[in-house]
Every structure is written in structure tokens, then in C-alpha cells.
C-alpha atoms as a PDB file:
ATOM      1  CA  MET A   1      31.786  15.081 -18.183  1.00  0.00           C
ATOM      2  CA  ASN A   2      30.245  14.165 -14.805  1.00  0.00           C
ATOM      3  CA  ASN A   3      26.824  12.417 -15.353  1.00  0.00           C
ATOM      4  CA  TYR A   4      25.964  12.434 -11.630  1.00  0.00           C
ATOM      5  CA  GLY A   5      25.184   8.710 -11.663  1.00  0.00           C
ATOM      6  CA  ILE A   6      22.138   9.481 -13.787  1.00  0.00           C
ATOM      7  CA  ASP A   7      22.358   6.147 -15.673  1.00  0.00           C
ATOM      8  CA  ILE A   8      21.878   4.366 -12.349  1.00  0.00           C
ATOM      9  CA  TRP A   9      19.050   6.308 -10.694  1.00  0.00           C
ATOM     10  CA  ALA A  10      17.308   8.418 -13.298  1.00  0.00           C
ATOM     11  CA  ASN A  11      15.081   5.707 -14.890  1.00  0.00           C
ATOM     12  CA  ASP A  12      14.752   7.903 -18.023  1.00  0.00           C
ATOM     13  CA  SER A  13      12.974  10.520 -15.902  1.00  0.00           C
ATOM     14  CA  PHE A  14      16.023  12.794 -15.948  1.00  0.00           C
ATOM     15  CA  ILE A  15      18.700  13.433 -18.549  1.00  0.00           C
ATOM     16  CA  ILE A  16      21.908  15.416 -19.019  1.00  0.00           C
ATOM     17  CA  LYS A  17      21.488  18.191 -21.568  1.00  0.00           C
ATOM     18  CA  ASN A  18      24.179  20.882 -22.128  1.00  0.00           C
ATOM     19  CA  GLY A  19      25.921  19.760 -19.016  1.00  0.00           C
ATOM     20  CA  LYS A  20      22.813  20.211 -16.763  1.00  0.00           C
ATOM     21  CA  VAL A  21      20.434  17.693 -15.147  1.00  0.00           C
ATOM     22  CA  CYS A  22      17.084  18.238 -16.945  1.00  0.00           C
ATOM     23  CA  VAL A  23      13.573  16.867 -16.388  1.00  0.00           C
ATOM     24  CA  ASP A  24      12.884  14.421 -19.279  1.00  0.00           C
ATOM     25  CA  TYR A  25       9.462  15.823 -19.917  1.00  0.00           C
ATOM     26  CA  GLY A  26       7.780  18.610 -21.969  1.00  0.00           C
ATOM     27  CA  LYS A  27      10.412  21.284 -22.800  1.00  0.00           C
ATOM     28  CA  LYS A  28      12.988  19.336 -20.680  1.00  0.00           C
ATOM     29  CA  PRO A  29      13.803  22.184 -18.218  1.00  0.00           C
ATOM     30  CA  ALA A  30      17.055  22.097 -16.283  1.00  0.00           C
ATOM     31  CA  ILE A  31      16.589  21.797 -12.501  1.00  0.00           C
ATOM     32  CA  LEU A  32      19.322  24.425 -12.011  1.00  0.00           C
ATOM     33  CA  ASP A  33      17.416  26.902 -14.168  1.00  0.00           C
ATOM     34  CA  ILE A  34      14.164  26.167 -12.315  1.00  0.00           C
ATOM     35  CA  VAL A  35      15.974  26.932  -9.021  1.00  0.00           C
ATOM     36  CA  LYS A  36      17.555  30.113 -10.392  1.00  0.00           C
ATOM     37  CA  GLU A  37      14.178  31.367 -11.534  1.00  0.00           C
ATOM     38  CA  LEU A  38      12.638  30.697  -8.119  1.00  0.00           C
ATOM     39  CA  ARG A  39      15.547  32.556  -6.463  1.00  0.00           C
ATOM     40  CA  ASN A  40      14.944  35.517  -8.832  1.00  0.00           C
ATOM     41  CA  ASP A  41      11.288  35.470  -7.659  1.00  0.00           C
ATOM     42  CA  GLY A  42      12.404  35.830  -4.135  1.00  0.00           C
ATOM     43  CA  TYR A  43      12.055  32.270  -2.875  1.00  0.00           C
ATOM     44  CA  LYS A  44      14.898  31.061  -0.605  1.00  0.00           C
ATOM     45  CA  GLY A  45      15.939  27.505   0.238  1.00  0.00           C
ATOM     46  CA  PRO A  46      15.427  24.840   1.045  1.00  0.00           C
ATOM     47  CA  LEU A  47      13.206  24.162  -1.941  1.00  0.00           C
ATOM     48  CA  LEU A  48      11.125  21.056  -2.565  1.00  0.00           C
ATOM     49  CA  LEU A  49      10.272  20.443  -6.186  1.00  0.00           C
ATOM     50  CA  ARG A  50       7.515  18.023  -7.203  1.00  0.00           C
ATOM     51  CA  PHE A  51       6.986  16.451 -10.620  1.00  0.00           C
ATOM     52  CA  PRO A  52       3.371  15.159 -10.958  1.00  0.00           C
ATOM     53  CA  HIS A  53       4.121  13.440 -14.274  1.00  0.00           C
ATOM     54  CA  LEU A  54       6.410  11.091 -12.350  1.00  0.00           C
ATOM     55  CA  ILE A  55       3.530  10.085 -10.108  1.00  0.00           C
ATOM     56  CA  GLN A  56       1.456   9.272 -13.145  1.00  0.00           C
ATOM     57  CA  LYS A  57       4.324   7.367 -14.648  1.00  0.00           C
ATOM     58  CA  GLN A  58       4.671   5.135 -11.606  1.00  0.00           C
ATOM     59  CA  ILE A  59       0.941   4.483 -11.429  1.00  0.00           C
ATOM     60  CA  GLU A  60       0.785   3.565 -15.050  1.00  0.00           C
ATOM     61  CA  LYS A  61       3.855   1.323 -14.655  1.00  0.00           C
ATOM     62  CA  ILE A  62       2.519  -0.730 -11.738  1.00  0.00           C
ATOM     63  CA  TYR A  63      -1.015  -1.181 -13.277  1.00  0.00           C
ATOM     64  CA  GLY A  64       0.492  -1.768 -16.793  1.00  0.00           C
ATOM     65  CA  ASN A  65       2.787  -4.468 -15.592  1.00  0.00           C
ATOM     66  CA  PHE A  66       0.042  -6.209 -13.674  1.00  0.00           C
ATOM     67  CA  SER A  67      -2.194  -6.052 -16.793  1.00  0.00           C
ATOM     68  CA  LYS A  68       0.530  -7.607 -18.833  1.00  0.00           C
ATOM     69  CA  ALA A  69       1.114 -10.406 -16.332  1.00  0.00           C
ATOM     70  CA  LYS A  70      -2.650 -10.985 -16.059  1.00  0.00           C
ATOM     71  CA  LYS A  71      -2.812 -11.668 -19.852  1.00  0.00           C
ATOM     72  CA  GLU A  72       0.359 -13.799 -19.865  1.00  0.00           C
ATOM     73  CA  PHE A  73      -0.830 -16.097 -17.114  1.00  0.00           C
ATOM     74  CA  ASN A  74      -4.564 -15.997 -17.914  1.00  0.00           C
ATOM     75  CA  TYR A  75      -5.374 -14.634 -14.489  1.00  0.00           C
ATOM     76  CA  LYS A  76      -9.108 -14.061 -13.973  1.00  0.00           C
ATOM     77  CA  GLY A  77      -8.974 -11.885 -10.889  1.00  0.00           C
ATOM     78  CA  SER A  78      -8.322  -8.167 -10.629  1.00  0.00           C
ATOM     79  CA  PHE A  79      -5.705  -5.858  -9.117  1.00  0.00           C
ATOM     80  CA  ASN A  80      -6.110  -2.811  -6.964  1.00  0.00           C
ATOM     81  CA  ALA A  81      -3.299  -0.771  -5.381  1.00  0.00           C
ATOM     82  CA  VAL A  82      -3.508   1.336  -2.229  1.00  0.00           C
ATOM     83  CA  TYR A  83      -0.997   4.113  -1.488  1.00  0.00           C
ATOM     84  CA  PRO A  84       0.407   3.995   2.071  1.00  0.00           C
ATOM     85  CA  LEU A  85      -0.033   7.530   3.462  1.00  0.00           C
ATOM     86  CA  LYS A  86       2.764   7.076   5.963  1.00  0.00           C
ATOM     87  CA  VAL A  87       5.195   7.533   3.120  1.00  0.00           C
ATOM     88  CA  ASN A  88       4.033  11.137   2.322  1.00  0.00           C
ATOM     89  CA  GLN A  89       1.096  13.017   3.723  1.00  0.00           C
ATOM     90  CA  TYR A  90       1.817  16.323   2.101  1.00  0.00           C
ATOM     91  CA  PRO A  91      -1.308  17.778   0.392  1.00  0.00           C
ATOM     92  CA  GLY A  92       0.640  18.761  -2.734  1.00  0.00           C
ATOM     93  CA  PHE A  93       1.488  15.097  -3.236  1.00  0.00           C
ATOM     94  CA  VAL A  94      -1.628  13.370  -1.986  1.00  0.00           C
ATOM     95  CA  LYS A  95      -4.050  15.501  -4.026  1.00  0.00           C
ATOM     96  CA  GLN A  96      -2.092  14.821  -7.288  1.00  0.00           C
ATOM     97  CA  LEU A  97      -1.876  11.086  -6.479  1.00  0.00           C
ATOM     98  CA  VAL A  98      -5.613  10.851  -5.932  1.00  0.00           C
ATOM     99  CA  LYS A  99      -6.361  12.928  -9.038  1.00  0.00           C
ATOM    100  CA  LEU A 100      -4.029  10.890 -11.262  1.00  0.00           C
ATOM    101  CA  GLY A 101      -5.136   7.557  -9.769  1.00  0.00           C
ATOM    102  CA  ARG A 102      -8.884   8.114 -10.365  1.00  0.00           C
ATOM    103  CA  HIS A 103      -8.990   6.161 -13.589  1.00  0.00           C
ATOM    104  CA  TYR A 104      -7.411   3.177 -11.913  1.00  0.00           C
ATOM    105  CA  ASN A 105      -9.493   3.224  -8.748  1.00  0.00           C
ATOM    106  CA  TYR A 106      -6.197   3.752  -6.855  1.00  0.00           C
ATOM    107  CA  GLY A 107      -6.949   3.743  -3.153  1.00  0.00           C
ATOM    108  CA  LEU A 108      -5.270   4.847   0.111  1.00  0.00           C
ATOM    109  CA  GLU A 109      -3.891   3.047   3.099  1.00  0.00           C
ATOM    110  CA  ALA A 110      -3.972   4.617   6.554  1.00  0.00           C
ATOM    111  CA  GLY A 111      -2.144   3.555   9.683  1.00  0.00           C
ATOM    112  CA  SER A 112      -3.218   6.157  12.167  1.00  0.00           C
ATOM    113  CA  LYS A 113      -6.232   8.384  12.995  1.00  0.00           C
ATOM    114  CA  ALA A 114      -4.720  11.406  11.149  1.00  0.00           C
ATOM    115  CA  GLU A 115      -4.099   9.336   8.060  1.00  0.00           C
ATOM    116  CA  LEU A 116      -7.557   7.869   8.103  1.00  0.00           C
ATOM    117  CA  LEU A 117      -9.036  11.334   8.277  1.00  0.00           C
ATOM    118  CA  ILE A 118      -6.853  12.342   5.213  1.00  0.00           C
ATOM    119  CA  ALA A 119      -8.122   9.294   3.323  1.00  0.00           C
ATOM    120  CA  MET A 120     -11.792  10.112   4.165  1.00  0.00           C
ATOM    121  CA  ALA A 121     -11.257  13.703   2.972  1.00  0.00           C
ATOM    122  CA  TYR A 122      -9.410  13.084  -0.333  1.00  0.00           C
ATOM    123  CA  ASN A 123      -9.919   9.533  -1.569  1.00  0.00           C
ATOM    124  CA  ASN A 124     -11.820   8.952  -4.803  1.00  0.00           C
ATOM    125  CA  GLU A 125     -15.414   7.753  -4.484  1.00  0.00           C
ATOM    126  CA  ASN A 126     -15.601   3.884  -4.240  1.00  0.00           C
ATOM    127  CA  ALA A 127     -11.741   3.606  -4.247  1.00  0.00           C
ATOM    128  CA  PRO A 128     -10.645   1.362  -1.438  1.00  0.00           C
ATOM    129  CA  ILE A 129      -9.304   2.482   1.926  1.00  0.00           C
ATOM    130  CA  THR A 130      -7.461  -0.065   4.012  1.00  0.00           C
ATOM    131  CA  VAL A 131      -6.551   0.579   7.661  1.00  0.00           C
ATOM    132  CA  ASN A 132      -3.456  -1.182   9.010  1.00  0.00           C
ATOM    133  CA  GLY A 133      -1.355  -0.804  12.090  1.00  0.00           C
ATOM    134  CA  PHE A 134      -2.354  -0.534  15.742  1.00  0.00           C
ATOM    135  CA  LYS A 135      -6.036   0.357  16.209  1.00  0.00           C
ATOM    136  CA  ASP A 136      -7.524   1.651  19.401  1.00  0.00           C
ATOM    137  CA  LYS A 137     -11.276   2.022  20.049  1.00  0.00           C
ATOM    138  CA  GLU A 138     -11.314   5.586  18.701  1.00  0.00           C
ATOM    139  CA  LEU A 139      -9.653   4.707  15.374  1.00  0.00           C
ATOM    140  CA  ILE A 140     -12.069   1.765  14.925  1.00  0.00           C
ATOM    141  CA  ASN A 141     -14.978   4.017  15.621  1.00  0.00           C
ATOM    142  CA  ILE A 142     -13.708   6.428  12.926  1.00  0.00           C
ATOM    143  CA  GLY A 143     -13.599   3.469  10.564  1.00  0.00           C
ATOM    144  CA  PHE A 144     -17.266   2.718  11.226  1.00  0.00           C
ATOM    145  CA  ILE A 145     -18.098   6.389  10.547  1.00  0.00           C
ATOM    146  CA  ALA A 146     -16.143   6.231   7.303  1.00  0.00           C
ATOM    147  CA  ARG A 147     -18.282   3.269   6.196  1.00  0.00           C
ATOM    148  CA  GLU A 148     -21.501   5.076   7.212  1.00  0.00           C
ATOM    149  CA  MET A 149     -20.316   7.943   4.976  1.00  0.00           C
ATOM    150  CA  GLY A 150     -20.118   5.552   2.032  1.00  0.00           C
ATOM    151  CA  HIS A 151     -16.417   4.848   1.889  1.00  0.00           C
ATOM    152  CA  ASN A 152     -15.128   1.394   0.736  1.00  0.00           C
ATOM    153  CA  ILE A 153     -13.171   0.747   3.847  1.00  0.00           C
ATOM    154  CA  THR A 154     -11.502  -2.382   5.284  1.00  0.00           C
ATOM    155  CA  LEU A 155     -10.217  -2.519   8.922  1.00  0.00           C
ATOM    156  CA  THR A 156      -7.371  -5.027   8.984  1.00  0.00           C
ATOM    157  CA  ILE A 157      -6.995  -6.554  12.422  1.00  0.00           C
ATOM    158  CA  GLU A 158      -3.464  -7.378  13.605  1.00  0.00           C
ATOM    159  CA  GLY A 159      -4.473  -9.146  16.864  1.00  0.00           C
ATOM    160  CA  LEU A 160      -7.596 -10.703  18.532  1.00  0.00           C
ATOM    161  CA  ASN A 161      -7.895  -7.740  20.795  1.00  0.00           C
ATOM    162  CA  GLU A 162      -8.598  -5.473  17.823  1.00  0.00           C
ATOM    163  CA  LEU A 163     -11.303  -7.917  16.561  1.00  0.00           C
ATOM    164  CA  GLU A 164     -12.941  -7.788  19.974  1.00  0.00           C
ATOM    165  CA  ALA A 165     -12.933  -4.050  19.850  1.00  0.00           C
ATOM    166  CA  ILE A 166     -14.550  -4.153  16.321  1.00  0.00           C
ATOM    167  CA  ILE A 167     -17.210  -6.570  17.646  1.00  0.00           C
ATOM    168  CA  ASP A 168     -18.047  -4.215  20.642  1.00  0.00           C
ATOM    169  CA  THR A 169     -18.287  -1.205  18.354  1.00  0.00           C
ATOM    170  CA  ALA A 170     -20.571  -3.044  15.893  1.00  0.00           C
ATOM    171  CA  LYS A 171     -22.981  -3.733  18.643  1.00  0.00           C
ATOM    172  CA  GLN A 172     -23.194   0.013  19.329  1.00  0.00           C
ATOM    173  CA  ARG A 173     -23.519   1.435  15.850  1.00  0.00           C
ATOM    174  CA  PHE A 174     -25.971   1.093  13.024  1.00  0.00           C
ATOM    175  CA  LYS A 175     -25.428  -0.555   9.662  1.00  0.00           C
ATOM    176  CA  PRO A 176     -23.512  -0.481   7.401  1.00  0.00           C
ATOM    177  CA  LYS A 177     -20.325  -1.842   8.866  1.00  0.00           C
ATOM    178  CA  PRO A 178     -16.830  -1.650   7.407  1.00  0.00           C
ATOM    179  CA  ASN A 179     -15.193  -4.683   5.813  1.00  0.00           C
ATOM    180  CA  ILE A 180     -12.859  -6.712   8.064  1.00  0.00           C
ATOM    181  CA  GLY A 181      -9.362  -7.904   7.070  1.00  0.00           C
ATOM    182  CA  ILE A 182      -7.184 -10.238   9.002  1.00  0.00           C
ATOM    183  CA  ARG A 183      -3.371 -10.062   9.020  1.00  0.00           C
ATOM    184  CA  VAL A 184      -1.975 -13.493   8.977  1.00  0.00           C
ATOM    185  CA  ARG A 185       1.449 -14.418  10.316  1.00  0.00           C
ATOM    186  CA  LEU A 186       3.151 -16.512   7.616  1.00  0.00           C
ATOM    187  CA  HIS A 187       6.207 -18.690   8.089  1.00  0.00           C
ATOM    188  CA  SER A 188       7.589 -17.172   4.868  1.00  0.00           C
ATOM    189  CA  ILE A 189       9.955 -14.123   5.135  1.00  0.00           C
ATOM    190  CA  GLY A 190      11.131 -11.555   2.695  1.00  0.00           C
ATOM    191  CA  SER A 191      14.615 -10.644   1.570  1.00  0.00           C
ATOM    192  CA  GLY A 192      16.990  -7.704   2.237  1.00  0.00           C
ATOM    193  CA  ILE A 193      17.688  -5.716   5.373  1.00  0.00           C
ATOM    194  CA  TRP A 194      14.045  -5.718   6.558  1.00  0.00           C
ATOM    195  CA  ALA A 195      13.448  -9.556   6.134  1.00  0.00           C
ATOM    196  CA  LYS A 196      13.190 -10.072   9.903  1.00  0.00           C
ATOM    197  CA  SER A 197      10.118  -7.852  10.230  1.00  0.00           C
ATOM    198  CA  GLY A 198       8.105 -10.735   8.632  1.00  0.00           C
ATOM    199  CA  GLY A 199       7.843 -14.449   9.283  1.00  0.00           C
ATOM    200  CA  ILE A 200       6.380 -16.501  12.113  1.00  0.00           C
ATOM    201  CA  ASN A 201       8.370 -14.491  14.733  1.00  0.00           C
ATOM    202  CA  SER A 202       6.878 -11.158  13.633  1.00  0.00           C
ATOM    203  CA  LYS A 203       5.208  -9.091  16.319  1.00  0.00           C
ATOM    204  CA  PHE A 204       2.097  -8.646  14.189  1.00  0.00           C
ATOM    205  CA  GLY A 205      -0.557 -10.862  12.658  1.00  0.00           C
ATOM    206  CA  LEU A 206      -2.584 -13.839  13.747  1.00  0.00           C
ATOM    207  CA  THR A 207      -1.116 -17.355  14.062  1.00  0.00           C
ATOM    208  CA  SER A 208      -3.087 -20.327  12.619  1.00  0.00           C
ATOM    209  CA  THR A 209      -4.597 -20.996  16.086  1.00  0.00           C
ATOM    210  CA  GLU A 210      -5.683 -17.419  16.487  1.00  0.00           C
ATOM    211  CA  LEU A 211      -7.083 -17.414  12.952  1.00  0.00           C
ATOM    212  CA  ILE A 212      -9.410 -20.203  13.828  1.00  0.00           C
ATOM    213  CA  GLU A 213     -10.483 -18.389  16.965  1.00  0.00           C
ATOM    214  CA  ALA A 214     -11.096 -15.183  14.976  1.00  0.00           C
ATOM    215  CA  ILE A 215     -13.361 -17.024  12.485  1.00  0.00           C
ATOM    216  CA  GLU A 216     -15.382 -18.481  15.399  1.00  0.00           C
ATOM    217  CA  LEU A 217     -15.739 -15.030  16.972  1.00  0.00           C
ATOM    218  CA  LEU A 218     -16.935 -13.550  13.653  1.00  0.00           C
ATOM    219  CA  LYS A 219     -19.423 -16.389  13.312  1.00  0.00           C
ATOM    220  CA  GLN A 220     -20.785 -15.990  16.863  1.00  0.00           C
ATOM    221  CA  ASN A 221     -21.311 -12.282  16.353  1.00  0.00           C
ATOM    222  CA  LYS A 222     -22.815 -12.521  12.832  1.00  0.00           C
ATOM    223  CA  LEU A 223     -19.885 -10.594  11.242  1.00  0.00           C
ATOM    224  CA  LEU A 224     -18.381 -13.374   9.093  1.00  0.00           C
ATOM    225  CA  ASP A 225     -19.977 -11.795   5.928  1.00  0.00           C
ATOM    226  CA  TYR A 226     -17.957  -8.671   6.499  1.00  0.00           C
ATOM    227  CA  PHE A 227     -14.674 -10.671   6.423  1.00  0.00           C
ATOM    228  CA  THR A 228     -13.340  -9.907   2.927  1.00  0.00           C
ATOM    229  CA  MET A 229      -9.521  -9.809   2.986  1.00  0.00           C
ATOM    230  CA  ILE A 230      -6.494 -11.525   4.354  1.00  0.00           C
ATOM    231  CA  HIS A 231      -3.244  -9.597   4.588  1.00  0.00           C
ATOM    232  CA  PHE A 232       0.357 -10.436   5.039  1.00  0.00           C
ATOM    233  CA  HIS A 233       3.583  -8.353   5.285  1.00  0.00           C
ATOM    234  CA  ILE A 234       6.972  -9.968   4.745  1.00  0.00           C
ATOM    235  CA  GLY A 235       9.147  -6.885   4.974  1.00  0.00           C
ATOM    236  CA  SER A 236      10.156  -3.743   3.103  1.00  0.00           C
ATOM    237  CA  GLN A 237      12.469  -3.378   0.127  1.00  0.00           C
ATOM    238  CA  ILE A 238      12.159  -6.985  -0.976  1.00  0.00           C
ATOM    239  CA  SER A 239      14.996  -7.484  -3.432  1.00  0.00           C
ATOM    240  CA  GLU A 240      13.986 -10.909  -4.843  1.00  0.00           C
ATOM    241  CA  ILE A 241      10.801 -12.184  -6.370  1.00  0.00           C
ATOM    242  CA  GLN A 242      11.062 -15.733  -4.958  1.00  0.00           C
ATOM    243  CA  PRO A 243      10.093 -14.821  -1.322  1.00  0.00           C
ATOM    244  CA  ILE A 244       6.956 -13.024  -2.659  1.00  0.00           C
ATOM    245  CA  LYS A 245       5.997 -16.185  -4.638  1.00  0.00           C
ATOM    246  CA  LYS A 246       6.625 -18.394  -1.645  1.00  0.00           C
ATOM    247  CA  ALA A 247       4.588 -16.164   0.702  1.00  0.00           C
ATOM    248  CA  LEU A 248       1.761 -15.870  -1.790  1.00  0.00           C
ATOM    249  CA  ASN A 249       1.485 -19.710  -2.103  1.00  0.00           C
ATOM    250  CA  GLU A 250       1.276 -19.987   1.684  1.00  0.00           C
ATOM    251  CA  ALA A 251      -1.361 -17.189   1.797  1.00  0.00           C
ATOM    252  CA  ALA A 252      -3.326 -18.841  -1.013  1.00  0.00           C
ATOM    253  CA  ASN A 253      -3.527 -22.122   1.008  1.00  0.00           C
ATOM    254  CA  ILE A 254      -4.766 -20.161   4.035  1.00  0.00           C
ATOM    255  CA  TYR A 255      -7.246 -18.381   1.831  1.00  0.00           C
ATOM    256  CA  THR A 256      -8.614 -21.690   0.480  1.00  0.00           C
ATOM    257  CA  GLU A 257      -9.053 -23.195   3.996  1.00  0.00           C
ATOM    258  CA  LEU A 258     -10.847 -20.044   5.197  1.00  0.00           C
ATOM    259  CA  LYS A 259     -13.298 -20.321   2.261  1.00  0.00           C
ATOM    260  CA  LYS A 260     -13.972 -23.938   3.369  1.00  0.00           C
ATOM    261  CA  MET A 261     -14.708 -22.722   6.857  1.00  0.00           C
ATOM    262  CA  GLY A 262     -17.576 -20.559   5.540  1.00  0.00           C
ATOM    263  CA  ALA A 263     -15.843 -17.247   4.796  1.00  0.00           C
ATOM    264  CA  ASN A 264     -17.933 -16.934   1.626  1.00  0.00           C
ATOM    265  CA  ASN A 265     -17.258 -13.169   1.060  1.00  0.00           C
ATOM    266  CA  LEU A 266     -13.474 -13.483   1.352  1.00  0.00           C
ATOM    267  CA  LYS A 267     -12.260 -12.171  -2.006  1.00  0.00           C
ATOM    268  CA  ALA A 268      -8.948 -10.458  -1.650  1.00  0.00           C
ATOM    269  CA  ILE A 269      -5.325 -11.087  -0.660  1.00  0.00           C
ATOM    270  CA  ASN A 270      -3.559  -7.941   0.416  1.00  0.00           C
ATOM    271  CA  LEU A 271       0.224  -8.141  -0.197  1.00  0.00           C
ATOM    272  CA  GLY A 272       2.133  -5.978   2.250  1.00  0.00           C
ATOM    273  CA  GLY A 273       5.718  -4.936   2.045  1.00  0.00           C
ATOM    274  CA  GLY A 274       7.628  -2.990  -0.573  1.00  0.00           C
ATOM    275  CA  LEU A 275       9.704  -3.623  -3.669  1.00  0.00           C
ATOM    276  CA  ALA A 276      13.332  -2.807  -3.583  1.00  0.00           C
ATOM    277  CA  VAL A 277      14.618   0.744  -4.103  1.00  0.00           C
ATOM    278  CA  GLU A 278      18.184   0.678  -5.504  1.00  0.00           C
ATOM    279  CA  TYR A 279      20.341   2.803  -3.264  1.00  0.00           C
ATOM    280  CA  SER A 280      23.695   1.675  -4.715  1.00  0.00           C
ATOM    281  CA  GLN A 281      25.546   4.386  -6.633  1.00  0.00           C
ATOM    282  CA  PHE A 282      27.812   1.818  -8.363  1.00  0.00           C
ATOM    283  CA  LYS A 283      26.625   0.298 -11.571  1.00  0.00           C
ATOM    284  CA  ASN A 284      28.109  -3.197 -10.790  1.00  0.00           C
ATOM    285  CA  GLU A 285      26.769  -3.402  -7.227  1.00  0.00           C
ATOM    286  CA  ASN A 286      22.946  -3.460  -7.773  1.00  0.00           C
ATOM    287  CA  ARG A 287      21.288  -5.128  -4.856  1.00  0.00           C
ATOM    288  CA  ARG A 288      17.894  -5.702  -6.236  1.00  0.00           C
ATOM    289  CA  ASN A 289      17.043  -8.440  -8.735  1.00  0.00           C
END
């Protein structure tokens, strides 16, 4: 019997039952039967099926694994995830994600004006919003409005020009101001096909010299207290844990030096990049460790 490679990709979320691919949840309905029922109701293709319990499963998995590691290594800090809206902005998905992530304070990450407006509209109260990617004056201004509305928002600068725009906007608006994050350009790189998007030759992030200049600018403009996060990104689909460890060690050294320079409210390291997705359909050719 053809098992459709289900032992490779299903992760116990789907099973074969009576020769059909079934959802491994509740009454274990067959996907083919779901489609037939929708056809009988008059719906035509293409059809997009969503399974909210799988969202919950993934949220519980990432927070559960971190909680386990926290106990194992006696880690005293905390963990908070943010979902990158660039992956999927459909309301049917985002609303479920926000609802199911409420207990965990699961936040949202925006990389454009449209995504930031989505985050402002749907994010749970007090859950973090981080803003990455290119930021023009208008996007920065929306970030200030979000903070004035009560959102826990951090604008992560990717270049000194963005910091200068934040400083200019801060002079024009009232308190409160959004938190400020700084993307640092590490020497460490990731692994896999996107490894070259990180490292010292990356297009984004501040070098060590620019980082010192940024701290001085924050001090001069009385904004250093709003500097709460450093961020690094070493690539997508990272298939090995060692590059993440190496990058985190490097970021921790930078974090320590910034605290010594007076960044007293710096409290978070934002790990960018993504864990590997196994695309191989052959059991003996897994590319992720």
C-alpha cells in the first residue's frame, strides 16, 4: 500500500486509515472525505484546508521544549516567541494563532506597514510586537502611534539612518516612546542554503563601529533607556544547532559589553532565522540534524 511518504513528513499529525490520509485528531476524518463533502455542498477547487489544532501543537511544542531546556540548564531568564507575519497574513490563520497563543503571550513580528497594522489590530494585549526590515519615516511614525495606543512594541533598527529617523520622530511626538532594538552584524553564519544571508558580509545590521556610534547617538538624545533588545539573523532553514550556539555566544559577548557602556535596560536577545524544514522525500536523505 502507498503510504504517501507519511512516515517522513506527517509528524504524527496525519495517518493512513483504510487506505486514506486522515487527520490524526478527534474522529480522524479522511481528507478525501472532507473534500467530497465540500464538493457536495457546492464548493469548487482549489480548496485550502486549515487545521487549528496543528497551530496549537506547534506553539505548545516550541514553548514546551524551551521550558524543558530551561530546567535542564537552570536558566533564569524567560522565553517569548513572535510570529513573523510575512509567512502568512491570512485572517483565518492569524486570528487562530493569536487566540491559541494568548496563554503563552505569543507575539507578532511585522516587516512592513501593512503587517504592522495587522499586528496592532489583532495582537493580544501586552504581547510583544517586533518590527524588523526596512523602515521609512511613515513606518516609524506608525510604530510610535502603536506605543501610544499601549502596544508593547520594539522597533529594530537595521542601519544608522533608521536610528536617526527614530530620533527625529521622537522629538516630534509625545511620550511614551517605543522600545528600540538594534540588529547586530555578527561574524557567525548559519548553515544550509541560506547561510550566506548572515555573517559579517550581510547587507543588514550594524558593525561594531556603527554599534558604538548608535549608543552615543542614543545617549546624546536621551533615548538610551528605550534600548532594550539586540537582534541577529544568521539565515533561514538552519539545519545544525552548532551555528546557533556559536552566534549566540558572540551575541552574548556584545550584550555584555553594551551593558557595560550604560545600556541598563537592555534585557533581550532576539534570535532571527528559522529552523530547518525537511523537504527531502527520502527517509535516508534527511538534511536537517
